[in-house]
């Protein structure tokens, strides 16, 4: 029962976090955001995600929401994902999270990289 509540809560917490990061003029009503956490919850149930992976995906979802609404990925989301990436890389041998850890400093330093990494790239990374 507790696992079900955590699986349900994490995606909605990620969506709330993404909505919270947005500026007031970018927020709107948020009706278009509700599909993301529902879909992530269903995928987590079908594929039986571990809590670490679900938490990573939920925080990543907040970046997807901010990018979809404002065209920006806020640094707060990236900083929340770094410790989880480290845990997933060392405990699960997740090379995607290792790649993510390498790309964050590059993304943060380079204005050109921030310009060229857009919404479509975020969805491709989420799919991987």
N, C-alpha and C. Protein backbone atom coordinates (compact mmCIF):
# COMPACT_ATOMS: atom_id res chain seq x y z
N UNK A 1 0.82 -1.20 0.00
CA UNK A 1 0.00 0.00 0.00
C UNK A 1 0.87 1.27 0.00
N UNK A 2 1.92 1.25 0.83
CA UNK A 2 2.80 2.41 0.90
C UNK A 2 3.53 2.60 -0.43
N UNK A 3 3.91 1.49 -1.06
CA UNK A 3 4.58 1.57 -2.36
C UNK A 3 3.67 2.22 -3.40
N UNK A 4 2.39 1.87 -3.38
CA UNK A 4 1.43 2.45 -4.31
C UNK A 4 1.31 3.95 -4.10
N UNK A 5 1.26 4.37 -2.84
CA UNK A 5 1.13 5.80 -2.53
C UNK A 5 2.38 6.56 -2.99
N UNK A 6 3.56 5.97 -2.77
CA UNK A 6 4.79 6.61 -3.23
C UNK A 6 4.84 6.67 -4.75
N UNK A 7 4.43 5.60 -5.41
CA UNK A 7 4.42 5.59 -6.87
C UNK A 7 3.44 6.62 -7.43
N UNK A 8 2.36 6.82 -6.74
CA UNK A 8 1.39 7.82 -7.17
C UNK A 8 1.85 9.23 -6.84
N UNK A 9 2.48 9.39 -5.68
CA UNK A 9 2.86 10.72 -5.22
C UNK A 9 4.06 11.31 -5.94
N UNK A 10 5.05 10.49 -6.27
CA UNK A 10 6.28 11.01 -6.89
C UNK A 10 6.03 11.73 -8.21
N UNK A 11 5.29 11.15 -9.16
CA UNK A 11 5.06 11.89 -10.41
C UNK A 11 4.30 13.20 -10.21
N UNK A 12 3.33 13.21 -9.29
CA UNK A 12 2.58 14.43 -9.06
C UNK A 12 3.42 15.47 -8.32
N UNK A 13 4.33 15.00 -7.46
CA UNK A 13 5.26 15.91 -6.80
C UNK A 13 6.20 16.53 -7.83
N UNK A 14 6.67 15.74 -8.80
CA UNK A 14 7.51 16.28 -9.87
C UNK A 14 6.78 17.31 -10.71
N UNK A 15 5.51 17.04 -11.01
CA UNK A 15 4.71 18.00 -11.79
C UNK A 15 4.49 19.29 -10.99
N UNK A 16 4.23 19.14 -9.70
CA UNK A 16 4.05 20.32 -8.85
C UNK A 16 5.35 21.12 -8.78
N UNK A 17 6.48 20.43 -8.66
CA UNK A 17 7.78 21.10 -8.60
C UNK A 17 8.04 21.88 -9.89
N UNK A 18 7.75 21.27 -11.04
CA UNK A 18 7.92 21.96 -12.31
C UNK A 18 7.03 23.18 -12.42
N UNK A 19 5.80 23.05 -11.97
CA UNK A 19 4.86 24.16 -12.01
C UNK A 19 5.31 25.27 -11.04
N UNK A 20 5.88 24.87 -9.91
CA UNK A 20 6.34 25.82 -8.91
C UNK A 20 7.54 26.62 -9.40
N UNK A 21 8.44 26.00 -10.18
CA UNK A 21 9.62 26.68 -10.70
C UNK A 21 9.27 27.79 -11.69
N UNK A 22 8.14 27.70 -12.33
CA UNK A 22 7.77 28.67 -13.37
C UNK A 22 7.48 30.04 -12.78
N UNK A 23 7.73 31.06 -13.58
CA UNK A 23 7.37 32.42 -13.19
C UNK A 23 5.85 32.55 -13.23
N UNK A 24 5.30 33.50 -12.48
CA UNK A 24 3.82 33.65 -12.44
C UNK A 24 3.18 33.85 -13.81
N UNK A 25 3.84 34.58 -14.70
CA UNK A 25 3.24 34.82 -16.02
C UNK A 25 3.30 33.59 -16.91
N UNK A 26 4.09 32.59 -16.55
CA UNK A 26 4.22 31.37 -17.36
C UNK A 26 3.33 30.24 -16.86
N UNK A 27 2.80 30.37 -15.66
CA UNK A 27 2.09 29.25 -15.03
C UNK A 27 0.78 28.89 -15.71
N UNK A 28 -0.08 29.83 -15.94
CA UNK A 28 -1.38 29.52 -16.50
C UNK A 28 -2.19 28.65 -15.54
N UNK A 29 -3.12 27.89 -16.07
CA UNK A 29 -3.97 27.05 -15.23
C UNK A 29 -3.33 25.69 -14.92
N UNK A 30 -2.46 25.23 -15.76
CA UNK A 30 -1.79 23.96 -15.50
C UNK A 30 -2.59 22.74 -15.91
N UNK A 31 -3.67 22.93 -16.67
CA UNK A 31 -4.48 21.78 -17.10
C UNK A 31 -3.71 20.87 -18.05
N UNK A 32 -2.85 21.46 -18.87
CA UNK A 32 -2.10 20.67 -19.83
C UNK A 32 -0.99 19.85 -19.17
N UNK A 33 -0.68 20.13 -17.92
CA UNK A 33 0.40 19.45 -17.21
C UNK A 33 -0.07 18.12 -16.61
N UNK A 34 -1.32 17.94 -16.37
CA UNK A 34 -1.84 16.79 -15.63
C UNK A 34 -1.59 15.45 -16.35
N UNK A 35 -1.48 15.47 -17.64
CA UNK A 35 -1.26 14.22 -18.37
C UNK A 35 0.11 13.62 -18.12
N UNK A 36 1.12 14.44 -17.88
CA UNK A 36 2.48 13.94 -17.66
C UNK A 36 2.60 13.06 -16.42
N UNK A 37 2.16 13.52 -15.24
CA UNK A 37 2.31 12.64 -14.08
C UNK A 37 1.44 11.38 -14.15
N UNK A 38 0.28 11.49 -14.77
CA UNK A 38 -0.57 10.30 -14.93
C UNK A 38 0.13 9.28 -15.80
N UNK A 39 0.71 9.72 -16.89
CA UNK A 39 1.44 8.82 -17.78
C UNK A 39 2.65 8.21 -17.09
N UNK A 40 3.39 9.02 -16.35
CA UNK A 40 4.56 8.51 -15.63
C UNK A 40 4.14 7.50 -14.57
N UNK A 41 3.04 7.74 -13.88
CA UNK A 41 2.53 6.79 -12.90
C UNK A 41 2.19 5.45 -13.55
N UNK A 42 1.50 5.50 -14.68
CA UNK A 42 1.12 4.26 -15.37
C UNK A 42 2.35 3.50 -15.87
N UNK A 43 3.32 4.21 -16.40
CA UNK A 43 4.55 3.56 -16.86
C UNK A 43 5.30 2.94 -15.69
N UNK A 44 5.34 3.64 -14.56
CA UNK A 44 6.02 3.12 -13.37
C UNK A 44 5.33 1.86 -12.86
N UNK A 45 4.02 1.81 -12.95
CA UNK A 45 3.30 0.62 -12.50
C UNK A 45 3.51 -0.55 -13.46
N UNK A 46 3.47 -0.30 -14.74
CA UNK A 46 3.62 -1.36 -15.73
C UNK A 46 5.03 -1.94 -15.71
N UNK A 47 6.03 -1.07 -15.65
CA UNK A 47 7.41 -1.53 -15.71
C UNK A 47 8.04 -1.72 -14.34
N UNK A 48 7.27 -1.53 -13.29
CA UNK A 48 7.70 -1.77 -11.91
C UNK A 48 9.00 -1.03 -11.58
N UNK A 49 8.96 0.29 -11.74
CA UNK A 49 10.12 1.13 -11.44
C UNK A 49 10.48 1.04 -9.97
N UNK A 50 11.77 1.02 -9.67
CA UNK A 50 12.21 1.16 -8.30
C UNK A 50 11.97 2.61 -7.88
N UNK A 51 11.97 2.84 -6.58
CA UNK A 51 11.67 4.18 -6.08
C UNK A 51 12.72 5.20 -6.54
N UNK A 52 14.00 4.79 -6.59
CA UNK A 52 15.06 5.70 -7.03
C UNK A 52 14.84 6.14 -8.47
N UNK A 53 14.49 5.19 -9.30
CA UNK A 53 14.28 5.50 -10.73
C UNK A 53 13.05 6.37 -10.90
N UNK A 54 12.00 6.07 -10.15
CA UNK A 54 10.78 6.86 -10.23
C UNK A 54 11.02 8.28 -9.73
N UNK A 55 11.79 8.43 -8.69
CA UNK A 55 12.10 9.75 -8.18
C UNK A 55 12.92 10.55 -9.20
N UNK A 56 13.89 9.89 -9.83
CA UNK A 56 14.67 10.54 -10.88
C UNK A 56 13.77 10.98 -12.03
N UNK A 57 12.89 10.08 -12.47
CA UNK A 57 11.98 10.42 -13.57
C UNK A 57 11.01 11.53 -13.18
N UNK A 58 10.59 11.55 -11.93
CA UNK A 58 9.66 12.58 -11.48
C UNK A 58 10.31 13.96 -11.44
N UNK A 59 11.54 14.02 -10.97
CA UNK A 59 12.25 15.31 -10.96
C UNK A 59 12.57 15.73 -12.39
N UNK A 60 12.91 14.74 -13.22
CA UNK A 60 13.16 15.04 -14.63
C UNK A 60 11.89 15.58 -15.29
N UNK A 61 10.75 15.06 -14.86
CA UNK A 61 9.46 15.53 -15.37
C UNK A 61 9.26 17.01 -15.07
N UNK A 62 9.75 17.47 -13.92
CA UNK A 62 9.62 18.90 -13.62
C UNK A 62 10.39 19.73 -14.63
N UNK A 63 11.54 19.23 -15.10
CA UNK A 63 12.29 19.92 -16.15
C UNK A 63 11.55 19.92 -17.47
N UNK A 64 10.87 18.82 -17.76
CA UNK A 64 10.08 18.75 -18.99
C UNK A 64 8.95 19.77 -18.95
N UNK A 65 8.32 19.93 -17.80
CA UNK A 65 7.22 20.88 -17.68
C UNK A 65 7.71 22.31 -17.82
N UNK A 66 8.82 22.64 -17.17
CA UNK A 66 9.32 24.01 -17.29
C UNK A 66 9.80 24.30 -18.70
N UNK A 67 10.40 23.30 -19.34
CA UNK A 67 10.86 23.51 -20.72
C UNK A 67 9.68 23.65 -21.66
N UNK A 68 8.64 22.88 -21.45
CA UNK A 68 7.46 22.98 -22.31
C UNK A 68 6.73 24.29 -22.16
N UNK A 69 6.71 24.85 -20.97
CA UNK A 69 5.99 26.09 -20.71
C UNK A 69 6.80 27.33 -21.03
N UNK A 70 8.07 27.33 -20.59
CA UNK A 70 8.86 28.56 -20.70
C UNK A 70 10.01 28.46 -21.69
N UNK A 71 10.31 27.25 -22.16
CA UNK A 71 11.45 27.07 -23.05
C UNK A 71 12.77 27.04 -22.31
N UNK A 72 12.72 26.95 -20.98
CA UNK A 72 13.93 26.94 -20.16
C UNK A 72 13.93 25.73 -19.24
N UNK A 73 15.13 25.23 -18.98
CA UNK A 73 15.30 24.20 -17.95
C UNK A 73 16.00 24.89 -16.80
N UNK A 74 15.35 24.97 -15.66
CA UNK A 74 15.89 25.70 -14.53
C UNK A 74 16.99 24.90 -13.83
N UNK A 75 17.97 25.60 -13.30
CA UNK A 75 19.11 24.94 -12.68
C UNK A 75 18.71 24.18 -11.42
N UNK A 76 17.65 24.59 -10.75
CA UNK A 76 17.20 23.88 -9.55
C UNK A 76 16.87 22.43 -9.86
N UNK A 77 16.24 22.19 -10.99
CA UNK A 77 15.92 20.82 -11.40
C UNK A 77 17.20 20.03 -11.63
N UNK A 78 18.15 20.65 -12.30
CA UNK A 78 19.42 19.95 -12.57
C UNK A 78 20.14 19.62 -11.28
N UNK A 79 20.15 20.53 -10.33
CA UNK A 79 20.84 20.28 -9.07
C UNK A 79 20.15 19.19 -8.25
N UNK A 80 18.84 19.09 -8.36
CA UNK A 80 18.13 18.01 -7.67
C UNK A 80 18.42 16.65 -8.30
N UNK A 81 18.66 16.64 -9.59
CA UNK A 81 18.91 15.38 -10.29
C UNK A 81 20.33 14.85 -10.12
N UNK A 82 21.28 15.70 -9.84
CA UNK A 82 22.67 15.26 -9.75
C UNK A 82 22.91 14.20 -8.68
N UNK A 83 22.44 14.36 -7.44
CA UNK A 83 22.69 13.29 -6.46
C UNK A 83 22.02 11.98 -6.84
N UNK A 84 20.83 12.05 -7.40
CA UNK A 84 20.16 10.83 -7.84
C UNK A 84 20.90 10.18 -9.00
N UNK A 85 21.46 10.98 -9.88
CA UNK A 85 22.26 10.44 -10.98
C UNK A 85 23.47 9.69 -10.46
N UNK A 86 24.09 10.25 -9.46
CA UNK A 86 25.26 9.62 -8.85
C UNK A 86 24.89 8.28 -8.23
N UNK A 87 23.79 8.24 -7.51
CA UNK A 87 23.34 6.98 -6.89
C UNK A 87 22.99 5.96 -7.96
N UNK A 88 22.26 6.36 -8.97
CA UNK A 88 21.87 5.42 -10.03
C UNK A 88 23.07 4.92 -10.81
N UNK A 89 24.06 5.78 -11.01
CA UNK A 89 25.24 5.37 -11.76
C UNK A 89 26.05 4.33 -10.99
N UNK A 90 26.24 4.55 -9.72
CA UNK A 90 27.07 3.63 -8.94
C UNK A 90 26.33 2.39 -8.47
N UNK A 91 25.05 2.51 -8.15
CA UNK A 91 24.31 1.35 -7.65
C UNK A 91 23.69 0.51 -8.77
N UNK A 92 23.22 1.15 -9.81
CA UNK A 92 22.50 0.45 -10.86
C UNK A 92 23.30 0.34 -12.16
N UNK A 93 24.46 0.92 -12.20
CA UNK A 93 25.28 1.00 -13.43
C UNK A 93 24.48 1.62 -14.58
N UNK A 94 23.75 2.66 -14.27
CA UNK A 94 22.95 3.36 -15.27
C UNK A 94 23.84 4.34 -16.01
N UNK A 95 24.16 4.01 -17.25
CA UNK A 95 25.04 4.86 -18.03
C UNK A 95 24.33 6.11 -18.53
N UNK A 96 23.01 6.07 -18.60
CA UNK A 96 22.26 7.27 -18.97
C UNK A 96 22.42 8.33 -17.88
N UNK A 97 22.35 7.92 -16.61
CA UNK A 97 22.53 8.90 -15.55
C UNK A 97 23.99 9.35 -15.48
N UNK A 98 24.94 8.48 -15.83
CA UNK A 98 26.34 8.90 -15.92
C UNK A 98 26.54 9.94 -17.01
N UNK A 99 25.89 9.74 -18.15
CA UNK A 99 25.95 10.71 -19.24
C UNK A 99 25.32 12.02 -18.80
N UNK A 100 24.23 11.92 -18.08
CA UNK A 100 23.56 13.12 -17.57
C UNK A 100 24.50 13.91 -16.66
N UNK A 101 25.24 13.21 -15.78
CA UNK A 101 26.18 13.89 -14.88
C UNK A 101 27.27 14.61 -15.66
N UNK A 102 27.68 14.04 -16.78
CA UNK A 102 28.71 14.69 -17.59
C UNK A 102 28.17 15.88 -18.37
N UNK A 103 26.91 15.82 -18.76
CA UNK A 103 26.34 16.89 -19.57
C UNK A 103 25.94 18.12 -18.77
N UNK A 104 25.64 17.94 -17.49
CA UNK A 104 25.18 19.08 -16.70
C UNK A 104 26.23 20.18 -16.60
N UNK A 105 27.50 19.88 -16.27
CA UNK A 105 28.48 20.98 -16.24
C UNK A 105 28.68 21.63 -17.61
N UNK A 106 28.62 20.83 -18.67
CA UNK A 106 28.74 21.37 -20.01
C UNK A 106 27.57 22.30 -20.32
N UNK A 107 26.37 21.87 -19.95
CA UNK A 107 25.17 22.66 -20.17
C UNK A 107 25.23 23.97 -19.38
N UNK A 108 25.71 23.89 -18.15
CA UNK A 108 25.75 25.07 -17.28
C UNK A 108 26.76 26.11 -17.76
N UNK A 109 27.88 25.67 -18.29
CA UNK A 109 28.94 26.58 -18.71
C UNK A 109 28.69 27.22 -20.07
N UNK A 110 28.09 26.48 -20.97
CA UNK A 110 28.03 26.92 -22.36
C UNK A 110 26.66 27.52 -22.70
N UNK A 111 26.65 28.79 -23.03
CA UNK A 111 25.41 29.43 -23.48
C UNK A 111 24.94 28.84 -24.81
N UNK A 112 25.90 28.45 -25.64
CA UNK A 112 25.56 27.85 -26.92
C UNK A 112 24.85 26.51 -26.71
N UNK A 113 25.34 25.73 -25.75
CA UNK A 113 24.72 24.44 -25.44
C UNK A 113 23.31 24.66 -24.88
N UNK A 114 23.14 25.67 -24.03
CA UNK A 114 21.82 25.97 -23.49
C UNK A 114 20.85 26.38 -24.59
N UNK A 115 21.38 27.03 -25.63
CA UNK A 115 20.54 27.44 -26.75
C UNK A 115 20.13 26.25 -27.60
N UNK A 116 21.07 25.32 -27.84
CA UNK A 116 20.80 24.21 -28.75
C UNK A 116 20.09 23.02 -28.10
N UNK A 117 20.16 22.87 -26.79
CA UNK A 117 19.42 21.79 -26.14
C UNK A 117 18.03 22.33 -25.86
N UNK A 118 17.07 21.76 -26.54
CA UNK A 118 15.71 22.28 -26.41
C UNK A 118 14.74 21.23 -25.95
N UNK A 119 13.48 21.52 -26.16
CA UNK A 119 12.39 20.68 -25.67
C UNK A 119 12.43 19.28 -26.27
N UNK A 120 12.70 19.17 -27.56
CA UNK A 120 12.75 17.86 -28.19
C UNK A 120 13.85 16.98 -27.61
N UNK A 121 14.99 17.58 -27.29
CA UNK A 121 16.09 16.83 -26.71
C UNK A 121 15.72 16.31 -25.32
N UNK A 122 14.98 17.09 -24.56
CA UNK A 122 14.56 16.65 -23.23
C UNK A 122 13.68 15.41 -23.35
N UNK A 123 12.78 15.39 -24.30
CA UNK A 123 11.91 14.23 -24.47
C UNK A 123 12.69 13.01 -24.93
N UNK A 124 13.68 13.21 -25.78
CA UNK A 124 14.53 12.08 -26.22
C UNK A 124 15.29 11.52 -25.02
N UNK A 125 15.87 12.38 -24.18
CA UNK A 125 16.59 11.92 -23.01
C UNK A 125 15.65 11.20 -22.03
N UNK A 126 14.44 11.70 -21.87
CA UNK A 126 13.48 11.03 -20.99
C UNK A 126 13.12 9.66 -21.51
N UNK A 127 12.98 9.51 -22.83
CA UNK A 127 12.68 8.23 -23.42
C UNK A 127 13.81 7.23 -23.18
N UNK A 128 15.06 7.71 -23.33
CA UNK A 128 16.21 6.83 -23.08
C UNK A 128 16.24 6.38 -21.64
